[in-house]
Protein backbone atom coordinates (compact mmCIF):
# COMPACT_ATOMS: atom_id res chain seq x y z
CA MET A 1 0.02 -71.30 -17.33
CA ASP A 2 3.78 -70.73 -17.16
CA ARG A 3 5.52 -67.36 -17.51
CA ASP A 4 6.45 -67.82 -21.18
CA GLU A 5 2.87 -68.71 -22.11
CA LEU A 6 1.58 -65.70 -20.21
CA TYR A 7 4.12 -63.50 -21.99
CA GLN A 8 3.14 -64.78 -25.42
CA ARG A 9 -0.57 -64.44 -24.73
CA GLN A 10 -0.39 -60.91 -23.33
CA VAL A 11 1.95 -59.66 -26.06
CA ILE A 12 -0.21 -61.07 -28.84
CA GLU A 13 -3.44 -59.75 -27.32
CA ARG A 14 -1.97 -56.27 -26.82
CA ALA A 15 -0.45 -56.19 -30.33
CA ARG A 16 -3.73 -57.26 -31.97
CA ALA A 17 -5.90 -54.78 -30.11
CA PRO A 18 -3.85 -51.76 -29.01
CA VAL A 19 -5.76 -49.32 -26.84
CA HIS A 20 -3.51 -46.28 -27.25
CA ALA A 21 -2.69 -46.38 -30.97
CA GLY A 22 -3.19 -43.48 -33.35
CA PRO A 23 -2.10 -39.90 -33.82
CA LEU A 24 -2.50 -37.31 -31.05
CA GLU A 25 -3.74 -33.98 -32.33
CA GLY A 26 -2.33 -31.07 -30.38
CA ALA A 27 0.54 -33.08 -28.91
CA THR A 28 2.91 -30.99 -26.80
CA GLY A 29 5.77 -33.41 -27.40
CA ARG A 30 6.70 -35.81 -30.15
CA GLY A 31 9.35 -38.46 -30.47
CA GLU A 32 10.16 -41.33 -32.73
CA GLY A 33 12.48 -44.26 -32.93
CA THR A 34 13.53 -46.77 -35.53
CA ASN A 35 15.19 -50.11 -35.00
CA PRO A 36 17.48 -50.46 -38.03
CA MET A 37 18.03 -54.16 -37.27
CA CYS A 38 14.44 -55.19 -37.96
CA GLY A 39 12.63 -52.13 -39.29
CA ASP A 40 10.37 -51.47 -36.29
CA ARG A 41 9.23 -47.84 -36.12
CA VAL A 42 7.44 -45.96 -33.38
CA ARG A 43 6.12 -42.41 -33.29
CA ILE A 44 4.93 -41.00 -29.99
CA GLY A 45 2.71 -38.03 -29.26
CA ILE A 46 2.36 -36.77 -25.69
CA TRP A 47 0.21 -34.15 -24.07
CA PHE A 48 0.83 -32.75 -20.60
CA ASP A 49 -1.90 -31.85 -18.18
CA GLY A 50 -1.88 -28.59 -16.21
CA ASP A 51 0.25 -30.08 -13.42
CA GLY A 52 3.22 -30.96 -15.65
CA ARG A 53 2.31 -34.62 -15.75
CA ILE A 54 1.70 -36.71 -18.83
CA GLY A 55 -2.01 -36.62 -19.54
CA THR A 56 -2.18 -38.57 -22.81
CA VAL A 57 0.20 -40.69 -24.86
CA ARG A 58 -0.59 -42.09 -28.28
CA HIS A 59 1.66 -44.21 -30.45
CA GLN A 60 1.87 -45.04 -34.09
CA ALA A 61 3.89 -48.23 -34.22
CA ARG A 62 4.79 -50.46 -37.11
CA GLY A 63 6.66 -53.62 -36.36
CA CYS A 64 6.56 -56.95 -34.63
CA ALA A 65 4.12 -57.96 -31.90
CA ILE A 66 6.70 -57.21 -29.20
CA CYS A 67 7.16 -53.65 -30.47
CA LEU A 68 3.42 -53.04 -30.78
CA ALA A 69 2.58 -54.48 -27.36
CA SER A 70 5.39 -52.59 -25.64
CA ALA A 71 4.35 -49.30 -27.29
CA ASP A 72 0.80 -49.76 -26.09
CA MET A 73 1.84 -50.62 -22.55
CA MET A 74 4.25 -47.67 -22.49
CA ALA A 75 1.44 -45.33 -23.57
CA GLU A 76 -0.72 -46.59 -20.73
CA LEU A 77 1.90 -46.59 -17.98
CA ALA A 78 3.37 -43.17 -18.79
CA VAL A 79 0.09 -41.37 -18.10
CA GLY A 80 0.26 -39.58 -14.76
CA GLN A 81 4.07 -39.55 -14.68
CA ASP A 82 6.18 -36.41 -14.71
CA GLN A 83 9.10 -36.24 -17.14
CA GLY A 84 11.63 -37.71 -14.70
CA GLY A 85 9.33 -40.52 -13.62
CA ALA A 86 8.58 -41.56 -17.20
CA VAL A 87 12.25 -41.51 -18.21
CA THR A 88 13.20 -43.52 -15.11
CA MET A 89 10.45 -46.06 -15.81
CA GLY A 90 11.78 -46.62 -19.33
CA ARG A 91 15.39 -46.93 -18.21
CA THR A 92 14.44 -49.36 -15.43
CA PHE A 93 12.53 -51.45 -17.97
CA ALA A 94 15.59 -51.51 -20.27
CA ALA A 95 17.79 -52.57 -17.33
CA LEU A 96 15.42 -55.46 -16.59
CA LEU A 97 15.73 -56.74 -20.13
CA GLN A 98 19.48 -56.21 -20.42
CA THR A 99 20.72 -57.26 -16.99
CA GLY A 100 17.81 -58.93 -15.21
CA GLN A 101 17.65 -56.24 -12.51
CA ASP A 102 13.98 -55.87 -11.74
CA GLY A 103 14.31 -53.28 -8.93
CA GLU A 104 11.45 -50.86 -9.46
CA VAL A 105 9.96 -52.30 -12.65
CA ARG A 106 6.21 -51.96 -12.87
CA PRO A 107 4.62 -55.41 -12.48
CA GLU A 108 2.83 -55.04 -15.81
CA LEU A 109 6.19 -54.89 -17.59
CA MET A 110 7.45 -58.14 -16.06
CA VAL A 111 5.58 -59.92 -18.84
CA PHE A 112 8.54 -58.95 -21.08
CA ALA A 113 11.18 -60.51 -18.76
CA PRO A 114 11.53 -63.67 -20.93
CA LEU A 115 13.08 -61.48 -23.64
CA ARG A 116 16.35 -61.62 -21.69
CA GLN A 117 16.77 -65.02 -23.29
CA HIS A 118 16.31 -63.49 -26.76
CA ARG A 119 18.74 -60.59 -26.78
CA SER A 120 18.04 -59.63 -30.38
CA ARG A 121 14.41 -58.85 -29.43
CA ILE A 122 15.19 -56.49 -26.53
CA ARG A 123 15.36 -53.47 -28.83
CA CYS A 124 11.89 -54.33 -30.10
CA ALA A 125 10.56 -53.92 -26.55
CA THR A 126 12.56 -50.82 -25.61
CA LEU A 127 12.04 -48.82 -28.82
CA ALA A 128 8.80 -47.16 -27.70
CA TRP A 129 10.40 -46.18 -24.40
CA SER A 130 13.32 -44.61 -26.28
CA ALA A 131 10.83 -42.68 -28.42
CA LEU A 132 9.03 -41.52 -25.27
CA GLU A 133 12.28 -40.28 -23.79
CA ALA A 134 13.01 -38.47 -27.07
CA ALA A 135 9.59 -36.80 -26.88
CA LEU A 136 10.20 -35.75 -23.29
CA THR A 137 13.78 -34.51 -23.69
CA GLY A 138 13.82 -33.34 -27.30
CA THR A 139 16.73 -35.63 -28.19
CA PRO A 140 16.77 -38.37 -30.85
CA ALA A 141 15.75 -41.82 -29.66
CA GLU A 142 18.80 -43.90 -28.79
CA ASP A 143 17.83 -46.68 -31.19
CA SER A 144 17.55 -44.21 -34.06
CA LYS A 145 21.10 -42.94 -33.66
CA ASP A 146 22.42 -46.18 -35.11
CA GLY A 147 20.48 -45.91 -38.35
């Protein structure tokens, strides 16, 4: 199975059966993002554990398979991170998609690397990460500032 096939399969499977979807009652942080180009929307709820690390992330995403799969992976990978680690992970992921720099990208996220060839779809993959950063920092998601 080549990389593009693996990407398509994993994205579709994750979009069809998200593990971390739904509202998070008692969230200690909330963020959202909208992609005005295609209408994707993501709402994030986060809860911190007693050590200042992310204990739970839930997403409510509406959009394409890329957006849904990325939101679910983000919710999984952010758990256990502190604020700085989660923000850095999202920015590193965006750099991979925009420039091809894969420095410290989590291996699970490499499945999205083929999006570099489809620049209009990059925002679909990074939207959930922007919403996470908004939840962590209290600022509007970067994608939402355009719309």
